[in-house]
Amino acid sequence: MATNRSRRLRKKLCVDEFQELGFELNLNFKEDLADEAVDAFLDQFLREAMTGNGLGYVGGDDYGLVCLAKRGSVSEEQRVAVETWLKGRSEVTDFTASPLIDVWYPDNSINPQDA
């Protein structure tokens, strides 16, 4: 595809100055945790860690992608806020939050102005 794109097309494709960043999240729950406890954790996670920080979550109960709830990029501060929230939870034995990535084109590198 041509690299000489109009501003409107760059915005529609979420590339260049319109690149949107997010991060992947892997959760490992305690083995003896009941399904109801996992559901209660996820409800709190979505309400407090995601909505409370202006974020959205797409995925399952143990793996997903965190992105901004509106158009734009997740900041490093928002990523750290989610990590901090998860560290205080007893339901999770451990978790992995990736560095910020391009949510539309994960194989693309991050633009210098976004890093």
N, C-alpha and C. Protein backbone atom coordinates (compact mmCIF):
# COMPACT_ATOMS: atom_id res chain seq x y z
N MET A 1 0.85 -1.18 0.00
CA MET A 1 0.00 0.00 0.00
C MET A 1 0.89 1.24 0.00
N ALA A 2 0.45 2.26 -0.63
CA ALA A 2 1.23 3.49 -0.74
C ALA A 2 1.46 4.11 0.63
N THR A 3 2.62 4.72 0.80
CA THR A 3 2.92 5.36 2.07
C THR A 3 2.58 6.84 2.05
N ASN A 4 2.28 7.39 0.88
CA ASN A 4 1.91 8.79 0.76
C ASN A 4 0.38 8.88 0.87
N ARG A 5 -0.11 8.91 2.11
CA ARG A 5 -1.55 8.89 2.35
C ARG A 5 -2.03 10.25 2.83
N SER A 6 -3.27 10.55 2.52
CA SER A 6 -3.86 11.79 2.99
C SER A 6 -4.08 11.71 4.50
N ARG A 7 -4.21 12.86 5.14
CA ARG A 7 -4.47 12.91 6.58
C ARG A 7 -5.74 12.14 6.92
N ARG A 8 -6.77 12.29 6.13
CA ARG A 8 -8.03 11.61 6.37
C ARG A 8 -7.86 10.09 6.34
N LEU A 9 -7.09 9.59 5.38
CA LEU A 9 -6.87 8.15 5.28
C LEU A 9 -5.99 7.64 6.43
N ARG A 10 -4.96 8.42 6.81
CA ARG A 10 -4.12 8.03 7.95
C ARG A 10 -4.96 7.93 9.22
N LYS A 11 -5.90 8.85 9.39
CA LYS A 11 -6.77 8.81 10.56
C LYS A 11 -7.68 7.60 10.51
N LYS A 12 -8.24 7.32 9.35
CA LYS A 12 -9.15 6.17 9.20
C LYS A 12 -8.42 4.86 9.44
N LEU A 13 -7.16 4.77 9.03
CA LEU A 13 -6.37 3.55 9.19
C LEU A 13 -5.64 3.47 10.54
N CYS A 14 -5.72 4.55 11.33
CA CYS A 14 -5.03 4.62 12.64
C CYS A 14 -3.53 4.40 12.49
N VAL A 15 -2.92 5.11 11.56
CA VAL A 15 -1.48 5.00 11.35
C VAL A 15 -0.82 6.37 11.52
N ASP A 16 0.51 6.35 11.55
CA ASP A 16 1.34 7.55 11.69
C ASP A 16 0.93 8.35 12.92
N GLU A 17 0.56 9.60 12.78
CA GLU A 17 0.22 10.41 13.95
C GLU A 17 -1.08 9.98 14.63
N PHE A 18 -1.83 9.08 14.00
CA PHE A 18 -3.09 8.58 14.56
C PHE A 18 -2.96 7.16 15.13
N GLN A 19 -1.74 6.70 15.29
CA GLN A 19 -1.49 5.38 15.87
C GLN A 19 -2.09 5.32 17.28
N GLU A 20 -2.71 4.19 17.61
CA GLU A 20 -3.33 4.01 18.93
C GLU A 20 -2.61 2.89 19.68
N LEU A 21 -2.23 3.19 20.93
CA LEU A 21 -1.46 2.24 21.73
C LEU A 21 -2.31 1.61 22.82
N GLY A 22 -1.95 0.40 23.18
CA GLY A 22 -2.58 -0.33 24.27
C GLY A 22 -1.59 -1.37 24.76
N PHE A 23 -2.08 -2.34 25.55
CA PHE A 23 -1.18 -3.40 26.01
C PHE A 23 -1.95 -4.69 26.24
N GLU A 24 -1.21 -5.80 26.13
CA GLU A 24 -1.79 -7.11 26.37
C GLU A 24 -1.67 -7.43 27.85
N LEU A 25 -2.65 -8.19 28.35
CA LEU A 25 -2.68 -8.53 29.75
C LEU A 25 -2.97 -10.01 29.92
N ASN A 26 -2.12 -10.72 30.66
CA ASN A 26 -2.30 -12.13 31.01
C ASN A 26 -2.50 -12.23 32.51
N LEU A 27 -3.57 -12.91 32.92
CA LEU A 27 -3.87 -13.08 34.35
C LEU A 27 -3.80 -14.56 34.71
N ASN A 28 -3.21 -14.87 35.85
CA ASN A 28 -3.19 -16.23 36.37
C ASN A 28 -3.89 -16.21 37.72
N PHE A 29 -5.02 -16.93 37.81
CA PHE A 29 -5.81 -16.97 39.03
C PHE A 29 -5.34 -18.12 39.92
N LYS A 30 -5.65 -18.01 41.20
CA LYS A 30 -5.40 -19.11 42.13
C LYS A 30 -6.15 -20.34 41.64
N GLU A 31 -5.54 -21.51 41.79
CA GLU A 31 -6.15 -22.74 41.28
C GLU A 31 -7.46 -23.09 41.96
N ASP A 32 -7.58 -22.85 43.25
CA ASP A 32 -8.78 -23.25 43.98
C ASP A 32 -9.86 -22.16 43.99
N LEU A 33 -9.73 -21.16 43.14
CA LEU A 33 -10.69 -20.06 43.09
C LEU A 33 -11.98 -20.51 42.41
N ALA A 34 -13.11 -20.29 43.07
CA ALA A 34 -14.41 -20.67 42.53
C ALA A 34 -14.78 -19.76 41.35
N ASP A 35 -15.62 -20.28 40.46
CA ASP A 35 -16.06 -19.50 39.30
C ASP A 35 -16.73 -18.20 39.72
N GLU A 36 -17.50 -18.24 40.81
CA GLU A 36 -18.18 -17.03 41.29
C GLU A 36 -17.18 -15.97 41.72
N ALA A 37 -16.08 -16.41 42.33
CA ALA A 37 -15.04 -15.47 42.76
C ALA A 37 -14.34 -14.85 41.56
N VAL A 38 -14.12 -15.64 40.51
CA VAL A 38 -13.52 -15.10 39.28
C VAL A 38 -14.46 -14.08 38.66
N ASP A 39 -15.76 -14.40 38.61
CA ASP A 39 -16.74 -13.46 38.06
C ASP A 39 -16.78 -12.16 38.86
N ALA A 40 -16.75 -12.26 40.18
CA ALA A 40 -16.76 -11.07 41.03
C ALA A 40 -15.48 -10.24 40.81
N PHE A 41 -14.34 -10.93 40.68
CA PHE A 41 -13.08 -10.23 40.40
C PHE A 41 -13.18 -9.48 39.07
N LEU A 42 -13.68 -10.15 38.04
CA LEU A 42 -13.76 -9.52 36.72
C LEU A 42 -14.70 -8.32 36.74
N ASP A 43 -15.81 -8.41 37.48
CA ASP A 43 -16.71 -7.26 37.60
C ASP A 43 -15.99 -6.07 38.22
N GLN A 44 -15.25 -6.31 39.29
CA GLN A 44 -14.49 -5.24 39.94
C GLN A 44 -13.37 -4.73 39.03
N PHE A 45 -12.70 -5.65 38.36
CA PHE A 45 -11.62 -5.27 37.44
C PHE A 45 -12.14 -4.33 36.35
N LEU A 46 -13.25 -4.70 35.75
CA LEU A 46 -13.82 -3.87 34.68
C LEU A 46 -14.29 -2.52 35.20
N ARG A 47 -14.89 -2.51 36.37
CA ARG A 47 -15.43 -1.27 36.93
C ARG A 47 -14.32 -0.36 37.46
N GLU A 48 -13.40 -0.92 38.26
CA GLU A 48 -12.41 -0.09 38.94
C GLU A 48 -11.14 0.15 38.12
N ALA A 49 -10.55 -0.91 37.59
CA ALA A 49 -9.28 -0.76 36.88
C ALA A 49 -9.46 -0.27 35.45
N MET A 50 -10.53 -0.71 34.79
CA MET A 50 -10.72 -0.31 33.39
C MET A 50 -11.53 0.99 33.30
N THR A 51 -12.81 0.95 33.64
CA THR A 51 -13.66 2.13 33.51
C THR A 51 -13.14 3.28 34.36
N GLY A 52 -12.65 2.96 35.56
CA GLY A 52 -12.11 3.99 36.45
C GLY A 52 -10.91 4.73 35.89
N ASN A 53 -10.20 4.12 34.95
CA ASN A 53 -9.03 4.75 34.32
C ASN A 53 -9.29 5.14 32.87
N GLY A 54 -10.56 5.09 32.43
CA GLY A 54 -10.89 5.46 31.06
C GLY A 54 -10.45 4.44 30.03
N LEU A 55 -10.36 3.18 30.44
CA LEU A 55 -9.85 2.12 29.57
C LEU A 55 -10.94 1.14 29.19
N GLY A 56 -10.67 0.38 28.15
CA GLY A 56 -11.55 -0.70 27.71
C GLY A 56 -10.76 -2.00 27.68
N TYR A 57 -11.47 -3.11 27.84
CA TYR A 57 -10.83 -4.43 27.87
C TYR A 57 -11.54 -5.33 26.88
N VAL A 58 -10.76 -5.98 26.03
CA VAL A 58 -11.30 -6.94 25.06
C VAL A 58 -10.57 -8.25 25.28
N GLY A 59 -11.32 -9.30 25.55
CA GLY A 59 -10.67 -10.59 25.75
C GLY A 59 -11.47 -11.48 26.67
N GLY A 60 -10.79 -12.46 27.22
CA GLY A 60 -11.42 -13.42 28.12
C GLY A 60 -11.07 -13.12 29.56
N ASP A 61 -11.34 -14.11 30.42
CA ASP A 61 -11.08 -13.89 31.84
C ASP A 61 -9.60 -13.99 32.20
N ASP A 62 -8.77 -14.57 31.34
CA ASP A 62 -7.35 -14.69 31.69
C ASP A 62 -6.40 -14.02 30.70
N TYR A 63 -6.90 -13.55 29.57
CA TYR A 63 -6.05 -12.89 28.57
C TYR A 63 -6.87 -11.87 27.80
N GLY A 64 -6.29 -10.70 27.57
CA GLY A 64 -7.01 -9.70 26.79
C GLY A 64 -6.12 -8.54 26.40
N LEU A 65 -6.74 -7.59 25.73
CA LEU A 65 -6.08 -6.38 25.25
C LEU A 65 -6.73 -5.19 25.93
N VAL A 66 -5.90 -4.32 26.47
CA VAL A 66 -6.38 -3.10 27.12
C VAL A 66 -6.12 -1.95 26.18
N CYS A 67 -7.16 -1.18 25.90
CA CYS A 67 -7.04 -0.01 25.04
C CYS A 67 -7.83 1.14 25.66
N LEU A 68 -7.71 2.31 25.09
CA LEU A 68 -8.45 3.45 25.58
C LEU A 68 -9.92 3.27 25.25
N ALA A 69 -10.81 3.70 26.13
CA ALA A 69 -12.25 3.53 25.93
C ALA A 69 -12.76 4.41 24.79
N LYS A 70 -12.01 5.43 24.43
CA LYS A 70 -12.37 6.27 23.29
C LYS A 70 -11.20 6.24 22.32
N ARG A 71 -11.28 7.00 21.29
CA ARG A 71 -10.20 7.02 20.31
C ARG A 71 -8.95 7.63 20.95
N GLY A 72 -7.81 6.99 20.77
CA GLY A 72 -6.56 7.50 21.33
C GLY A 72 -5.72 6.38 21.89
N SER A 73 -4.71 6.74 22.65
CA SER A 73 -3.73 5.78 23.16
C SER A 73 -3.75 5.71 24.68
N VAL A 74 -3.46 4.52 25.18
CA VAL A 74 -3.24 4.32 26.60
C VAL A 74 -1.91 4.96 26.96
N SER A 75 -1.86 5.64 28.09
CA SER A 75 -0.60 6.23 28.54
C SER A 75 0.14 5.23 29.43
N GLU A 76 1.41 5.46 29.61
CA GLU A 76 2.20 4.61 30.50
C GLU A 76 1.67 4.71 31.93
N GLU A 77 1.17 5.88 32.33
CA GLU A 77 0.61 6.06 33.66
C GLU A 77 -0.64 5.19 33.84
N GLN A 78 -1.48 5.09 32.82
CA GLN A 78 -2.67 4.24 32.91
C GLN A 78 -2.27 2.77 32.99
N ARG A 79 -1.25 2.39 32.26
CA ARG A 79 -0.76 1.01 32.30
C ARG A 79 -0.26 0.67 33.70
N VAL A 80 0.50 1.58 34.31
CA VAL A 80 1.02 1.38 35.66
C VAL A 80 -0.14 1.33 36.67
N ALA A 81 -1.17 2.14 36.47
CA ALA A 81 -2.33 2.14 37.37
C ALA A 81 -3.01 0.77 37.37
N VAL A 82 -3.13 0.14 36.19
CA VAL A 82 -3.72 -1.20 36.10
C VAL A 82 -2.83 -2.21 36.81
N GLU A 83 -1.53 -2.13 36.59
CA GLU A 83 -0.59 -3.04 37.28
C GLU A 83 -0.70 -2.88 38.79
N THR A 84 -0.75 -1.66 39.27
CA THR A 84 -0.86 -1.40 40.70
C THR A 84 -2.15 -1.99 41.26
N TRP A 85 -3.25 -1.82 40.54
CA TRP A 85 -4.52 -2.38 40.99
C TRP A 85 -4.44 -3.90 41.09
N LEU A 86 -3.84 -4.53 40.09
CA LEU A 86 -3.73 -5.98 40.08
C LEU A 86 -2.82 -6.51 41.19
N LYS A 87 -1.77 -5.77 41.53
CA LYS A 87 -0.85 -6.20 42.58
C LYS A 87 -1.55 -6.30 43.93
N GLY A 88 -2.59 -5.54 44.12
CA GLY A 88 -3.31 -5.55 45.39
C GLY A 88 -4.41 -6.59 45.47
N ARG A 89 -4.52 -7.45 44.48
CA ARG A 89 -5.62 -8.43 44.45
C ARG A 89 -5.13 -9.82 44.84
N SER A 90 -5.86 -10.45 45.76
CA SER A 90 -5.48 -11.77 46.24
C SER A 90 -5.93 -12.89 45.30
N GLU A 91 -6.87 -12.62 44.40
CA GLU A 91 -7.37 -13.65 43.49
C GLU A 91 -6.34 -14.03 42.42
N VAL A 92 -5.40 -13.14 42.15
CA VAL A 92 -4.43 -13.32 41.07
C VAL A 92 -3.09 -13.76 41.66
N THR A 93 -2.57 -14.89 41.17
CA THR A 93 -1.25 -15.33 41.64
C THR A 93 -0.15 -14.53 40.97
N ASP A 94 -0.30 -14.26 39.68
CA ASP A 94 0.60 -13.37 38.97
C ASP A 94 -0.06 -12.91 37.69
N PHE A 95 0.55 -11.92 37.05
CA PHE A 95 0.03 -11.37 35.81
C PHE A 95 1.18 -10.82 34.99
N THR A 96 0.93 -10.63 33.71
CA THR A 96 1.91 -10.03 32.81
C THR A 96 1.22 -8.95 32.00
N ALA A 97 1.78 -7.76 32.05
CA ALA A 97 1.30 -6.65 31.23
C ALA A 97 2.41 -6.32 30.24
N SER A 98 2.11 -6.39 28.96
CA SER A 98 3.12 -6.13 27.93
C SER A 98 3.47 -4.64 27.90
N PRO A 99 4.58 -4.29 27.28
CA PRO A 99 4.83 -2.88 27.00
C PRO A 99 3.75 -2.37 26.04
N LEU A 100 3.64 -1.07 25.90
CA LEU A 100 2.65 -0.50 24.99
C LEU A 100 2.92 -0.96 23.56
N ILE A 101 1.85 -1.32 22.86
CA ILE A 101 1.93 -1.80 21.48
C ILE A 101 0.88 -1.08 20.63
N ASP A 102 1.04 -1.13 19.33
CA ASP A 102 0.05 -0.62 18.39
C ASP A 102 -1.14 -1.58 18.41
N VAL A 103 -2.32 -1.09 18.83
CA VAL A 103 -3.46 -2.00 18.98
C VAL A 103 -4.06 -2.43 17.64
N TRP A 104 -3.87 -1.67 16.60
CA TRP A 104 -4.43 -2.03 15.29
C TRP A 104 -3.46 -2.88 14.48
N TYR A 105 -2.18 -2.61 14.62
CA TYR A 105 -1.15 -3.31 13.86
C TYR A 105 -0.02 -3.71 14.83
N PRO A 106 -0.22 -4.79 15.61
CA PRO A 106 0.74 -5.13 16.68
C PRO A 106 2.18 -5.35 16.21
N ASP A 107 2.38 -5.71 14.95
CA ASP A 107 3.73 -5.94 14.46
C ASP A 107 4.46 -4.63 14.13
N ASN A 108 3.73 -3.52 14.04
CA ASN A 108 4.34 -2.24 13.75
C ASN A 108 5.05 -1.69 14.98
N SER A 109 6.12 -0.94 14.75
CA SER A 109 6.81 -0.30 15.87
C SER A 109 6.03 0.93 16.30
N ILE A 110 6.33 1.38 17.50
CA ILE A 110 5.65 2.56 18.06
C ILE A 110 6.32 3.81 17.51
N ASN A 111 5.50 4.78 17.11
CA ASN A 111 6.03 6.04 16.62
C ASN A 111 6.77 6.75 17.75
N PRO A 112 7.89 7.40 17.45
CA PRO A 112 8.69 8.06 18.49
C PRO A 112 7.91 9.09 19.31
N GLN A 113 6.99 9.83 18.71
CA GLN A 113 6.24 10.84 19.45
C GLN A 113 5.27 10.20 20.43
N ASP A 114 4.90 8.92 20.23
CA ASP A 114 3.96 8.24 21.12
C ASP A 114 4.66 7.54 22.28
N ALA A 115 5.93 7.27 22.13
CA ALA A 115 6.65 6.49 23.15
C ALA A 115 6.90 7.28 24.41
